[in-house]
N, C-alpha and C. Protein backbone atom coordinates (compact mmCIF):
# COMPACT_ATOMS: atom_id res chain seq x y z
N UNK A 1 -17.85 9.27 11.09
CA UNK A 1 -16.78 8.81 10.22
C UNK A 1 -17.28 7.69 9.33
N UNK A 2 -16.81 7.72 8.09
CA UNK A 2 -17.21 6.68 7.15
C UNK A 2 -15.99 5.91 6.69
N UNK A 3 -16.04 4.59 6.80
CA UNK A 3 -15.02 3.70 6.26
C UNK A 3 -15.47 3.22 4.89
N UNK A 4 -14.55 3.20 3.94
CA UNK A 4 -14.86 2.77 2.58
C UNK A 4 -13.94 1.62 2.22
N UNK A 5 -14.52 0.49 1.86
CA UNK A 5 -13.75 -0.73 1.63
C UNK A 5 -13.01 -0.72 0.29
N UNK A 6 -12.21 -1.76 0.06
CA UNK A 6 -11.44 -1.88 -1.16
C UNK A 6 -12.07 -2.83 -2.17
N UNK A 7 -11.29 -3.16 -3.18
CA UNK A 7 -11.73 -4.03 -4.27
C UNK A 7 -12.07 -5.43 -3.76
N UNK A 8 -13.17 -6.01 -4.28
CA UNK A 8 -13.59 -7.39 -3.96
C UNK A 8 -13.84 -7.59 -2.46
N UNK A 9 -14.22 -6.58 -1.76
CA UNK A 9 -14.22 -6.68 -0.31
C UNK A 9 -15.58 -6.30 0.28
N UNK A 10 -16.22 -7.19 1.02
CA UNK A 10 -17.45 -6.81 1.74
C UNK A 10 -17.12 -5.90 2.91
N UNK A 11 -18.08 -5.09 3.30
CA UNK A 11 -17.84 -4.12 4.36
C UNK A 11 -17.44 -4.72 5.68
N UNK A 12 -17.87 -5.99 5.98
CA UNK A 12 -17.56 -6.57 7.29
C UNK A 12 -16.07 -6.77 7.50
N UNK A 13 -15.30 -6.80 6.43
CA UNK A 13 -13.85 -6.96 6.58
C UNK A 13 -13.25 -5.77 7.33
N UNK A 14 -13.94 -4.66 7.30
CA UNK A 14 -13.46 -3.46 8.00
C UNK A 14 -13.84 -3.45 9.48
N UNK A 15 -14.50 -4.49 9.95
CA UNK A 15 -15.06 -4.46 11.31
C UNK A 15 -13.99 -4.32 12.39
N UNK A 16 -12.84 -4.97 12.21
CA UNK A 16 -11.77 -4.86 13.20
C UNK A 16 -11.26 -3.44 13.32
N UNK A 17 -11.01 -2.80 12.19
CA UNK A 17 -10.57 -1.41 12.20
C UNK A 17 -11.67 -0.52 12.79
N UNK A 18 -12.91 -0.80 12.42
CA UNK A 18 -14.03 0.00 12.94
C UNK A 18 -14.09 -0.07 14.47
N UNK A 19 -13.88 -1.24 15.04
CA UNK A 19 -13.90 -1.38 16.50
C UNK A 19 -12.82 -0.53 17.15
N UNK A 20 -11.64 -0.54 16.59
CA UNK A 20 -10.54 0.24 17.16
C UNK A 20 -10.83 1.73 17.06
N UNK A 21 -11.41 2.16 15.96
CA UNK A 21 -11.72 3.59 15.80
C UNK A 21 -12.84 4.01 16.74
N UNK A 22 -13.78 3.11 17.00
CA UNK A 22 -14.85 3.43 17.96
C UNK A 22 -14.28 3.62 19.36
N UNK A 23 -13.23 2.85 19.69
CA UNK A 23 -12.59 3.02 21.00
C UNK A 23 -11.95 4.39 21.14
N UNK A 24 -11.65 5.02 20.01
CA UNK A 24 -11.11 6.39 20.03
C UNK A 24 -12.23 7.42 20.17
N UNK A 25 -13.46 6.95 20.19
CA UNK A 25 -14.58 7.86 20.38
C UNK A 25 -15.33 8.25 19.12
N UNK A 26 -15.02 7.61 17.99
CA UNK A 26 -15.67 7.97 16.73
C UNK A 26 -16.91 7.11 16.48
N UNK A 27 -17.91 7.75 15.94
CA UNK A 27 -19.10 7.04 15.45
C UNK A 27 -18.77 6.56 14.04
N UNK A 28 -18.60 5.27 13.86
CA UNK A 28 -18.07 4.72 12.61
C UNK A 28 -19.18 4.03 11.82
N UNK A 29 -19.30 4.40 10.56
CA UNK A 29 -20.24 3.74 9.64
C UNK A 29 -19.43 3.21 8.45
N UNK A 30 -19.75 2.01 8.00
CA UNK A 30 -19.05 1.40 6.86
C UNK A 30 -19.89 1.49 5.61
N UNK A 31 -19.29 1.99 4.55
CA UNK A 31 -19.95 2.06 3.25
C UNK A 31 -19.43 0.93 2.38
N UNK A 32 -20.34 0.09 1.91
CA UNK A 32 -19.98 -1.04 1.04
C UNK A 32 -20.50 -0.77 -0.36
N UNK A 33 -19.66 -0.99 -1.35
CA UNK A 33 -20.05 -0.72 -2.73
C UNK A 33 -19.68 -1.90 -3.62
N UNK A 34 -20.23 -1.92 -4.79
CA UNK A 34 -19.98 -3.01 -5.74
C UNK A 34 -18.80 -2.61 -6.62
N UNK A 35 -17.63 -3.06 -6.23
CA UNK A 35 -16.40 -2.59 -6.88
C UNK A 35 -16.26 -3.07 -8.32
N UNK A 36 -16.87 -4.20 -8.67
CA UNK A 36 -16.75 -4.72 -10.03
C UNK A 36 -17.90 -4.27 -10.92
N UNK A 37 -19.09 -4.15 -10.35
CA UNK A 37 -20.29 -3.92 -11.16
C UNK A 37 -20.59 -2.45 -11.41
N UNK A 38 -20.01 -1.55 -10.61
CA UNK A 38 -20.31 -0.13 -10.75
C UNK A 38 -19.04 0.66 -11.07
N UNK A 39 -19.21 1.72 -11.83
CA UNK A 39 -18.08 2.58 -12.18
C UNK A 39 -17.69 3.45 -11.00
N UNK A 40 -16.57 4.13 -11.13
CA UNK A 40 -16.10 5.02 -10.08
C UNK A 40 -17.13 6.11 -9.79
N UNK A 41 -17.69 6.70 -10.83
CA UNK A 41 -18.69 7.75 -10.61
C UNK A 41 -19.96 7.19 -9.97
N UNK A 42 -20.38 6.01 -10.41
CA UNK A 42 -21.57 5.40 -9.82
C UNK A 42 -21.38 5.14 -8.32
N UNK A 43 -20.20 4.65 -7.96
CA UNK A 43 -19.94 4.40 -6.54
C UNK A 43 -19.80 5.70 -5.76
N UNK A 44 -19.25 6.74 -6.40
CA UNK A 44 -19.19 8.04 -5.75
C UNK A 44 -20.59 8.58 -5.49
N UNK A 45 -21.49 8.40 -6.43
CA UNK A 45 -22.88 8.85 -6.25
C UNK A 45 -23.56 8.09 -5.12
N UNK A 46 -23.31 6.78 -5.05
CA UNK A 46 -23.89 5.98 -3.98
C UNK A 46 -23.32 6.38 -2.61
N UNK A 47 -22.03 6.69 -2.59
CA UNK A 47 -21.42 7.15 -1.35
C UNK A 47 -22.02 8.49 -0.93
N UNK A 48 -22.29 9.37 -1.88
CA UNK A 48 -22.92 10.66 -1.56
C UNK A 48 -24.28 10.44 -0.90
N UNK A 49 -25.07 9.51 -1.41
CA UNK A 49 -26.36 9.21 -0.81
C UNK A 49 -26.18 8.70 0.63
N UNK A 50 -25.17 7.87 0.82
CA UNK A 50 -24.88 7.32 2.14
C UNK A 50 -24.48 8.44 3.10
N UNK A 51 -23.62 9.34 2.63
CA UNK A 51 -23.18 10.47 3.45
C UNK A 51 -24.36 11.35 3.83
N UNK A 52 -25.23 11.63 2.89
CA UNK A 52 -26.37 12.50 3.14
C UNK A 52 -27.31 11.94 4.21
N UNK A 53 -27.29 10.62 4.36
CA UNK A 53 -28.17 9.99 5.34
C UNK A 53 -27.61 10.02 6.76
N UNK A 54 -26.35 10.49 6.92
CA UNK A 54 -25.73 10.53 8.24
C UNK A 54 -25.95 11.89 8.88
N UNK A 55 -26.20 11.95 10.19
CA UNK A 55 -26.56 13.21 10.83
C UNK A 55 -25.39 14.08 11.29
N UNK A 56 -24.18 13.55 11.30
CA UNK A 56 -23.05 14.28 11.89
C UNK A 56 -22.76 15.59 11.16
N UNK A 57 -22.38 16.62 11.91
CA UNK A 57 -22.03 17.91 11.31
C UNK A 57 -20.63 17.87 10.69
N UNK A 58 -19.76 17.03 11.25
CA UNK A 58 -18.41 16.83 10.73
C UNK A 58 -18.30 15.38 10.28
N UNK A 59 -17.80 15.18 9.06
CA UNK A 59 -17.72 13.82 8.52
C UNK A 59 -16.30 13.52 8.04
N UNK A 60 -15.65 12.59 8.73
CA UNK A 60 -14.33 12.13 8.31
C UNK A 60 -14.48 10.91 7.40
N UNK A 61 -13.44 10.68 6.59
CA UNK A 61 -13.45 9.54 5.66
C UNK A 61 -12.14 8.77 5.80
N UNK A 62 -12.25 7.44 5.88
CA UNK A 62 -11.09 6.56 5.86
C UNK A 62 -11.32 5.58 4.73
N UNK A 63 -10.50 5.67 3.69
CA UNK A 63 -10.64 4.82 2.52
C UNK A 63 -9.51 3.81 2.44
N UNK A 64 -9.86 2.55 2.36
CA UNK A 64 -8.85 1.49 2.25
C UNK A 64 -8.68 1.09 0.79
N UNK A 65 -7.45 1.14 0.29
CA UNK A 65 -7.11 0.71 -1.06
C UNK A 65 -7.97 1.46 -2.09
N UNK A 66 -8.74 0.74 -2.90
CA UNK A 66 -9.61 1.39 -3.88
C UNK A 66 -10.60 2.34 -3.21
N UNK A 67 -10.92 2.09 -1.96
CA UNK A 67 -11.84 2.97 -1.23
C UNK A 67 -11.34 4.40 -1.18
N UNK A 68 -10.03 4.59 -1.10
CA UNK A 68 -9.48 5.94 -1.11
C UNK A 68 -9.71 6.64 -2.43
N UNK A 69 -9.71 5.88 -3.52
CA UNK A 69 -9.98 6.44 -4.84
C UNK A 69 -11.46 6.80 -4.96
N UNK A 70 -12.32 5.98 -4.36
CA UNK A 70 -13.76 6.28 -4.35
C UNK A 70 -14.03 7.56 -3.56
N UNK A 71 -13.32 7.76 -2.45
CA UNK A 71 -13.47 9.01 -1.69
C UNK A 71 -13.03 10.20 -2.54
N UNK A 72 -11.94 10.05 -3.27
CA UNK A 72 -11.49 11.12 -4.17
C UNK A 72 -12.58 11.44 -5.20
N UNK A 73 -13.17 10.41 -5.76
CA UNK A 73 -14.24 10.61 -6.74
C UNK A 73 -15.45 11.30 -6.12
N UNK A 74 -15.75 10.95 -4.87
CA UNK A 74 -16.86 11.61 -4.17
C UNK A 74 -16.68 13.11 -4.17
N UNK A 75 -15.49 13.58 -3.81
CA UNK A 75 -15.25 15.02 -3.73
C UNK A 75 -15.13 15.66 -5.10
N UNK A 76 -14.76 14.87 -6.10
CA UNK A 76 -14.71 15.42 -7.46
C UNK A 76 -16.11 15.68 -7.99
N UNK A 77 -16.99 14.72 -7.83
CA UNK A 77 -18.34 14.83 -8.37
C UNK A 77 -19.29 15.59 -7.44
N UNK A 78 -18.96 15.61 -6.15
CA UNK A 78 -19.85 16.26 -5.17
C UNK A 78 -18.99 17.10 -4.21
N UNK A 79 -18.44 18.20 -4.66
CA UNK A 79 -17.47 18.95 -3.85
C UNK A 79 -18.07 19.65 -2.63
N UNK A 80 -19.35 19.91 -2.63
CA UNK A 80 -19.96 20.65 -1.52
C UNK A 80 -20.38 19.69 -0.41
N UNK A 81 -19.43 19.33 0.43
CA UNK A 81 -19.67 18.38 1.50
C UNK A 81 -19.30 19.00 2.85
N UNK A 82 -19.87 18.47 3.91
CA UNK A 82 -19.60 18.99 5.25
C UNK A 82 -18.12 18.81 5.60
N UNK A 83 -17.60 19.59 6.55
CA UNK A 83 -16.17 19.53 6.87
C UNK A 83 -15.77 18.19 7.47
N UNK A 84 -14.46 17.92 7.39
CA UNK A 84 -13.92 16.69 7.94
C UNK A 84 -12.56 16.41 7.34
N UNK A 85 -11.90 15.39 7.84
CA UNK A 85 -10.56 15.00 7.36
C UNK A 85 -10.64 13.68 6.60
N UNK A 86 -9.57 13.39 5.86
CA UNK A 86 -9.50 12.17 5.04
C UNK A 86 -8.21 11.42 5.38
N UNK A 87 -8.32 10.10 5.51
CA UNK A 87 -7.15 9.24 5.61
C UNK A 87 -7.31 8.12 4.58
N UNK A 88 -6.26 7.86 3.83
CA UNK A 88 -6.29 6.72 2.91
C UNK A 88 -5.26 5.69 3.36
N UNK A 89 -5.63 4.43 3.22
CA UNK A 89 -4.78 3.31 3.65
C UNK A 89 -4.42 2.47 2.43
N UNK A 90 -3.18 2.54 2.00
CA UNK A 90 -2.73 1.73 0.87
C UNK A 90 -3.49 2.00 -0.41
N UNK A 91 -3.93 3.23 -0.61
CA UNK A 91 -4.67 3.56 -1.84
C UNK A 91 -3.70 3.88 -2.98
N UNK A 92 -3.89 3.30 -4.16
CA UNK A 92 -2.97 3.53 -5.28
C UNK A 92 -3.26 4.85 -6.00
N UNK A 93 -2.92 5.96 -5.36
CA UNK A 93 -3.21 7.27 -5.91
C UNK A 93 -2.52 7.50 -7.25
N UNK A 94 -1.39 6.84 -7.47
CA UNK A 94 -0.63 7.01 -8.71
C UNK A 94 -0.86 5.86 -9.70
N UNK A 95 -1.94 5.12 -9.50
CA UNK A 95 -2.22 3.98 -10.36
C UNK A 95 -1.64 2.70 -9.79
N UNK A 96 -2.09 1.58 -10.29
CA UNK A 96 -1.68 0.28 -9.75
C UNK A 96 -1.00 -0.57 -10.81
N UNK A 97 0.29 -0.82 -10.60
CA UNK A 97 1.02 -1.73 -11.51
C UNK A 97 0.43 -3.13 -11.45
N UNK A 98 0.06 -3.56 -10.24
CA UNK A 98 -0.51 -4.91 -10.10
C UNK A 98 -1.79 -5.04 -10.92
N UNK A 99 -2.67 -4.03 -10.84
CA UNK A 99 -3.92 -4.08 -11.60
C UNK A 99 -3.65 -4.03 -13.09
N UNK A 100 -2.70 -3.19 -13.51
CA UNK A 100 -2.36 -3.09 -14.93
C UNK A 100 -1.83 -4.41 -15.46
N UNK A 101 -1.06 -5.12 -14.65
CA UNK A 101 -0.52 -6.41 -15.06
C UNK A 101 -1.63 -7.45 -15.18
N UNK A 102 -2.53 -7.49 -14.19
CA UNK A 102 -3.65 -8.42 -14.23
C UNK A 102 -4.56 -8.14 -15.42
N UNK A 103 -4.71 -6.86 -15.77
CA UNK A 103 -5.62 -6.46 -16.85
C UNK A 103 -5.10 -6.81 -18.24
N UNK A 104 -3.91 -7.36 -18.34
CA UNK A 104 -3.39 -7.72 -19.65
C UNK A 104 -4.12 -8.91 -20.27
N UNK A 105 -4.82 -9.66 -19.45
CA UNK A 105 -5.58 -10.80 -19.98
C UNK A 105 -7.07 -10.56 -19.77
N UNK A 106 -7.89 -11.25 -20.57
CA UNK A 106 -9.34 -11.04 -20.52
C UNK A 106 -9.92 -11.41 -19.15
N UNK A 107 -9.42 -12.49 -18.56
CA UNK A 107 -9.92 -12.89 -17.24
C UNK A 107 -9.62 -11.81 -16.21
N UNK A 108 -8.43 -11.25 -16.28
CA UNK A 108 -8.07 -10.19 -15.34
C UNK A 108 -8.96 -8.98 -15.49
N UNK A 109 -9.27 -8.61 -16.72
CA UNK A 109 -10.16 -7.46 -16.95
C UNK A 109 -11.55 -7.73 -16.40
N UNK A 110 -12.02 -8.97 -16.53
CA UNK A 110 -13.33 -9.30 -15.96
C UNK A 110 -13.29 -9.24 -14.44
N UNK A 111 -12.18 -9.66 -13.85
CA UNK A 111 -12.07 -9.63 -12.39
C UNK A 111 -12.06 -8.21 -11.85
N UNK A 112 -11.47 -7.30 -12.60
CA UNK A 112 -11.42 -5.90 -12.16
C UNK A 112 -12.72 -5.17 -12.46
N UNK A 113 -13.44 -5.64 -13.48
CA UNK A 113 -14.74 -5.06 -13.81
C UNK A 113 -14.67 -3.57 -14.09
N UNK A 114 -15.66 -2.85 -13.62
CA UNK A 114 -15.75 -1.41 -13.90
C UNK A 114 -14.78 -0.58 -13.05
N UNK A 115 -14.05 -1.23 -12.15
CA UNK A 115 -13.02 -0.52 -11.39
C UNK A 115 -11.72 -0.39 -12.17
N UNK A 116 -11.63 -1.06 -13.31
CA UNK A 116 -10.39 -1.05 -14.09
C UNK A 116 -9.89 0.35 -14.40
N UNK A 117 -10.74 1.26 -14.93
CA UNK A 117 -10.22 2.61 -15.25
C UNK A 117 -9.68 3.34 -14.03
N UNK A 118 -10.29 3.14 -12.88
CA UNK A 118 -9.85 3.84 -11.68
C UNK A 118 -8.46 3.39 -11.25
N UNK A 119 -8.06 2.17 -11.63
CA UNK A 119 -6.80 1.60 -11.17
C UNK A 119 -5.67 1.71 -12.18
N UNK A 120 -5.98 1.69 -13.46
CA UNK A 120 -4.90 1.61 -14.44
C UNK A 120 -4.89 2.77 -15.45
N UNK A 121 -5.96 3.53 -15.57
CA UNK A 121 -5.94 4.65 -16.51
C UNK A 121 -5.65 5.94 -15.76
N UNK A 122 -5.79 7.07 -16.41
CA UNK A 122 -5.56 8.35 -15.75
C UNK A 122 -6.83 8.90 -15.12
N UNK A 123 -7.89 8.10 -15.10
CA UNK A 123 -9.12 8.55 -14.45
C UNK A 123 -8.85 8.86 -12.99
N UNK A 124 -9.17 10.05 -12.58
CA UNK A 124 -8.98 10.44 -11.21
C UNK A 124 -7.65 11.12 -10.94
N UNK A 125 -6.58 10.72 -11.63
CA UNK A 125 -5.28 11.31 -11.34
C UNK A 125 -5.15 12.74 -11.86
N UNK A 126 -6.05 13.15 -12.74
CA UNK A 126 -6.04 14.52 -13.23
C UNK A 126 -6.97 15.42 -12.41
N UNK A 127 -7.72 14.84 -11.48
CA UNK A 127 -8.61 15.65 -10.65
C UNK A 127 -7.82 16.30 -9.53
N UNK A 128 -8.24 17.51 -9.14
CA UNK A 128 -7.62 18.15 -7.99
C UNK A 128 -8.07 17.44 -6.71
N UNK A 129 -7.23 17.52 -5.70
CA UNK A 129 -7.59 16.92 -4.42
C UNK A 129 -8.41 17.92 -3.63
N UNK A 130 -9.41 17.48 -2.87
CA UNK A 130 -10.24 18.43 -2.12
C UNK A 130 -9.42 19.22 -1.10
N UNK A 131 -9.77 20.47 -0.87
CA UNK A 131 -9.00 21.32 0.05
C UNK A 131 -9.31 21.01 1.51
N UNK A 132 -8.86 19.84 1.96
CA UNK A 132 -9.04 19.47 3.36
C UNK A 132 -7.87 18.62 3.81
N UNK A 133 -7.64 18.58 5.11
CA UNK A 133 -6.50 17.86 5.63
C UNK A 133 -6.61 16.37 5.31
N UNK A 134 -5.52 15.86 4.72
CA UNK A 134 -5.51 14.47 4.25
C UNK A 134 -4.23 13.78 4.69
N UNK A 135 -4.36 12.58 5.22
CA UNK A 135 -3.21 11.77 5.59
C UNK A 135 -3.19 10.47 4.80
N UNK A 136 -2.00 10.03 4.41
CA UNK A 136 -1.88 8.76 3.70
C UNK A 136 -1.04 7.80 4.54
N UNK A 137 -1.50 6.56 4.60
CA UNK A 137 -0.77 5.50 5.29
C UNK A 137 -0.42 4.44 4.24
N UNK A 138 0.85 4.09 4.15
CA UNK A 138 1.31 3.08 3.19
C UNK A 138 2.01 1.96 3.95
N UNK A 139 1.89 0.75 3.45
CA UNK A 139 2.58 -0.39 4.04
C UNK A 139 3.87 -0.70 3.32
N UNK A 140 4.84 -1.25 4.04
CA UNK A 140 6.14 -1.59 3.44
C UNK A 140 6.53 -3.05 3.66
N UNK A 141 5.59 -3.84 4.20
CA UNK A 141 5.88 -5.28 4.38
C UNK A 141 5.41 -6.00 3.13
N UNK A 142 6.37 -6.42 2.32
CA UNK A 142 6.07 -6.96 0.99
C UNK A 142 5.58 -8.40 1.09
N UNK A 143 4.32 -8.55 1.45
CA UNK A 143 3.73 -9.88 1.60
C UNK A 143 2.35 -9.87 0.94
N UNK A 144 2.23 -10.54 -0.21
CA UNK A 144 0.96 -10.56 -0.92
C UNK A 144 1.17 -11.10 -2.32
N UNK A 145 0.06 -11.32 -3.02
CA UNK A 145 0.15 -11.89 -4.36
C UNK A 145 0.83 -10.95 -5.34
N UNK A 146 0.79 -9.66 -5.06
CA UNK A 146 1.41 -8.70 -5.97
C UNK A 146 2.89 -8.92 -6.16
N UNK A 147 3.56 -9.48 -5.16
CA UNK A 147 5.00 -9.69 -5.27
C UNK A 147 5.34 -10.74 -6.31
N UNK A 148 4.36 -11.55 -6.72
CA UNK A 148 4.59 -12.58 -7.74
C UNK A 148 4.48 -12.03 -9.16
N UNK A 149 3.98 -10.81 -9.30
CA UNK A 149 3.77 -10.24 -10.63
C UNK A 149 5.08 -9.67 -11.18
N UNK A 150 5.31 -9.81 -12.48
CA UNK A 150 6.53 -9.25 -13.08
C UNK A 150 6.55 -7.73 -13.00
N UNK A 151 7.72 -7.18 -12.72
CA UNK A 151 7.88 -5.74 -12.71
C UNK A 151 7.45 -5.06 -11.42
N UNK A 152 7.04 -5.83 -10.42
CA UNK A 152 6.58 -5.25 -9.16
C UNK A 152 7.80 -4.96 -8.29
N UNK A 153 8.59 -3.95 -8.68
CA UNK A 153 9.84 -3.64 -8.01
C UNK A 153 9.64 -2.51 -7.00
N UNK A 154 10.59 -2.43 -6.07
CA UNK A 154 10.57 -1.35 -5.10
C UNK A 154 9.76 -1.70 -3.87
N UNK A 155 9.85 -0.85 -2.83
CA UNK A 155 9.10 -1.09 -1.60
C UNK A 155 7.61 -1.20 -1.88
N UNK A 156 6.96 -2.12 -1.17
CA UNK A 156 5.57 -2.42 -1.47
C UNK A 156 4.92 -3.05 -0.25
N UNK A 157 3.59 -2.99 -0.19
CA UNK A 157 2.87 -3.70 0.87
C UNK A 157 2.44 -5.09 0.40
N UNK A 158 2.97 -5.51 -0.75
CA UNK A 158 2.61 -6.79 -1.33
C UNK A 158 1.56 -6.67 -2.41
N UNK A 159 0.90 -5.53 -2.49
CA UNK A 159 -0.09 -5.27 -3.53
C UNK A 159 0.12 -3.91 -4.16
N UNK A 160 0.26 -2.89 -3.34
CA UNK A 160 0.44 -1.51 -3.80
C UNK A 160 1.86 -1.06 -3.47
N UNK A 161 2.56 -0.55 -4.49
CA UNK A 161 3.91 -0.07 -4.26
C UNK A 161 3.88 1.23 -3.45
N UNK A 162 4.94 1.44 -2.68
CA UNK A 162 5.03 2.64 -1.86
C UNK A 162 4.88 3.90 -2.70
N UNK A 163 5.52 3.91 -3.86
CA UNK A 163 5.43 5.09 -4.73
C UNK A 163 4.01 5.32 -5.23
N UNK A 164 3.25 4.26 -5.41
CA UNK A 164 1.88 4.38 -5.90
C UNK A 164 0.93 4.94 -4.84
N UNK A 165 1.28 4.77 -3.59
CA UNK A 165 0.43 5.22 -2.49
C UNK A 165 0.68 6.68 -2.12
N UNK A 166 1.64 7.32 -2.80
CA UNK A 166 1.97 8.70 -2.46
C UNK A 166 0.95 9.67 -3.05
N UNK A 167 0.65 10.70 -2.29
CA UNK A 167 -0.27 11.74 -2.71
C UNK A 167 0.39 13.08 -2.44
N UNK A 168 0.82 13.80 -3.49
CA UNK A 168 1.55 15.06 -3.27
C UNK A 168 0.77 16.07 -2.44
N UNK A 169 -0.56 16.04 -2.53
CA UNK A 169 -1.37 17.01 -1.82
C UNK A 169 -1.60 16.66 -0.35
N UNK A 170 -1.10 15.51 0.09
CA UNK A 170 -1.36 15.07 1.46
C UNK A 170 -0.77 16.04 2.47
N UNK A 171 -1.50 16.27 3.55
CA UNK A 171 -1.02 17.10 4.65
C UNK A 171 0.10 16.40 5.40
N UNK A 172 -0.02 15.10 5.55
CA UNK A 172 0.98 14.29 6.24
C UNK A 172 0.91 12.88 5.69
N UNK A 173 2.01 12.17 5.82
CA UNK A 173 2.07 10.80 5.28
C UNK A 173 2.93 9.96 6.20
N UNK A 174 2.65 8.67 6.21
CA UNK A 174 3.42 7.77 7.05
C UNK A 174 3.47 6.41 6.37
N UNK A 175 4.58 5.70 6.55
CA UNK A 175 4.69 4.32 6.07
C UNK A 175 5.01 3.44 7.27
N UNK A 176 4.35 2.28 7.30
CA UNK A 176 4.49 1.37 8.43
C UNK A 176 4.79 -0.04 7.93
N UNK A 177 5.48 -0.86 8.71
CA UNK A 177 5.88 -2.20 8.26
C UNK A 177 4.73 -3.21 8.33
N UNK A 178 3.72 -2.98 7.52
CA UNK A 178 2.56 -3.89 7.45
C UNK A 178 2.28 -4.19 5.99
N UNK A 179 1.57 -5.31 5.76
CA UNK A 179 1.18 -5.69 4.41
C UNK A 179 -0.10 -4.95 4.01
N UNK A 180 -0.54 -5.17 2.78
CA UNK A 180 -1.75 -4.50 2.30
C UNK A 180 -2.95 -4.87 3.18
N UNK A 181 -3.15 -6.15 3.41
CA UNK A 181 -4.25 -6.55 4.29
C UNK A 181 -3.97 -6.16 5.74
N UNK A 182 -2.69 -6.16 6.11
CA UNK A 182 -2.32 -5.79 7.47
C UNK A 182 -2.71 -4.37 7.83
N UNK A 183 -2.89 -3.51 6.84
CA UNK A 183 -3.34 -2.14 7.10
C UNK A 183 -4.70 -2.14 7.81
N UNK A 184 -5.48 -3.19 7.60
CA UNK A 184 -6.82 -3.26 8.20
C UNK A 184 -6.80 -3.82 9.62
N UNK A 185 -5.79 -4.56 9.97
CA UNK A 185 -5.81 -5.26 11.26
C UNK A 185 -4.73 -4.79 12.22
N UNK A 186 -3.91 -3.87 11.79
CA UNK A 186 -2.82 -3.38 12.63
C UNK A 186 -3.32 -2.35 13.65
N UNK A 187 -2.99 -2.58 14.91
CA UNK A 187 -3.31 -1.61 15.93
C UNK A 187 -2.54 -0.31 15.74
N UNK A 188 -1.32 -0.40 15.24
CA UNK A 188 -0.51 0.79 14.99
C UNK A 188 -1.15 1.66 13.92
N UNK A 189 -1.69 1.02 12.88
CA UNK A 189 -2.37 1.78 11.83
C UNK A 189 -3.60 2.47 12.40
N UNK A 190 -4.38 1.75 13.19
CA UNK A 190 -5.59 2.34 13.78
C UNK A 190 -5.25 3.53 14.66
N UNK A 191 -4.19 3.43 15.43
CA UNK A 191 -3.77 4.56 16.27
C UNK A 191 -3.34 5.75 15.43
N UNK A 192 -2.66 5.46 14.32
CA UNK A 192 -2.24 6.54 13.42
C UNK A 192 -3.45 7.24 12.82
N UNK A 193 -4.46 6.48 12.44
CA UNK A 193 -5.68 7.07 11.88
C UNK A 193 -6.35 7.96 12.92
N UNK A 194 -6.49 7.47 14.14
CA UNK A 194 -7.12 8.25 15.20
C UNK A 194 -6.35 9.54 15.46
N UNK A 195 -5.03 9.44 15.47
CA UNK A 195 -4.20 10.63 15.70
C UNK A 195 -4.42 11.66 14.62
N UNK A 196 -4.45 11.21 13.36
CA UNK A 196 -4.61 12.18 12.27
C UNK A 196 -6.00 12.81 12.30
N UNK A 197 -7.03 12.01 12.52
CA UNK A 197 -8.37 12.56 12.53
C UNK A 197 -8.56 13.54 13.67
N UNK A 198 -7.81 13.34 14.76
CA UNK A 198 -7.91 14.24 15.90
C UNK A 198 -7.13 15.53 15.71
N UNK A 199 -5.92 15.41 15.13
CA UNK A 199 -5.00 16.56 15.12
C UNK A 199 -4.61 17.05 13.74
N UNK A 200 -4.95 16.30 12.69
CA UNK A 200 -4.55 16.72 11.34
C UNK A 200 -3.10 16.39 11.02
N UNK A 201 -2.44 15.65 11.90
CA UNK A 201 -1.07 15.18 11.69
C UNK A 201 -0.95 13.81 12.35
N UNK A 202 -0.02 12.99 11.85
CA UNK A 202 0.17 11.68 12.46
C UNK A 202 0.94 11.80 13.78
N UNK A 203 2.00 12.56 13.77
CA UNK A 203 2.71 12.84 15.01
C UNK A 203 3.25 11.61 15.71
N UNK A 204 3.59 10.57 14.93
CA UNK A 204 4.11 9.33 15.56
C UNK A 204 5.64 9.35 15.59
C-alpha cells in the first residue's frame, strides 16, 4: 500500500496513519512529493517510478487531500498498473474553494505553486476515474483556517467542503465528524480505510 501526502506536507506527517494501517496487516510505504515545485503530471510520473520499485503484486493507494488528486493523475498518465483499491481522504475532487480564494492574490499563488491548476482549474476533473474500487472519506468537523475564508459555506472539514470531496465514480463513500487534519490522526478513519481495502466497502 502506498500513502500519498497532501499540500505542503512532508511524508512523516502520515506516520500515525501508517502505523494504524500496518496493524491491519498492510505493508505501508509513504510517497513524498514536492507539491509546490512540481506539476501534477510531474508528481504522477514520480509516483509511477515509486510504484514500480515496490514488489507487491497488489498495490492499494491512500491519498490524503491533494494526494488523492495525484493518485488520479497517476492512473490518467499511467493507466496500466497492477490491481488494487483506492481510498481518498478529504481530497477536493470537485476543486477547492479555499485554494481558489487564496489564489486571488500573488502571495497565495506562490504558496500554491505548481499545484494551483490541480486545485482550482478543471485539470483532472475531465479525466475518467480508473476502473477500480474506490472509497472516499470526507470530514464534517468544521475546524481549520478554511472557515475564515469568504464564501466557505456548507458542511466542511475546515479546509475542504463536503461537496468538494464527493466523487461520483466512488464505489462507496463515508463522512465522519473529523477535521481536515483529523483525517490523518483519527482511529475511526484508519479503521474505515482498512475495512474498505479489505472488502471494497466501508460497511460501518
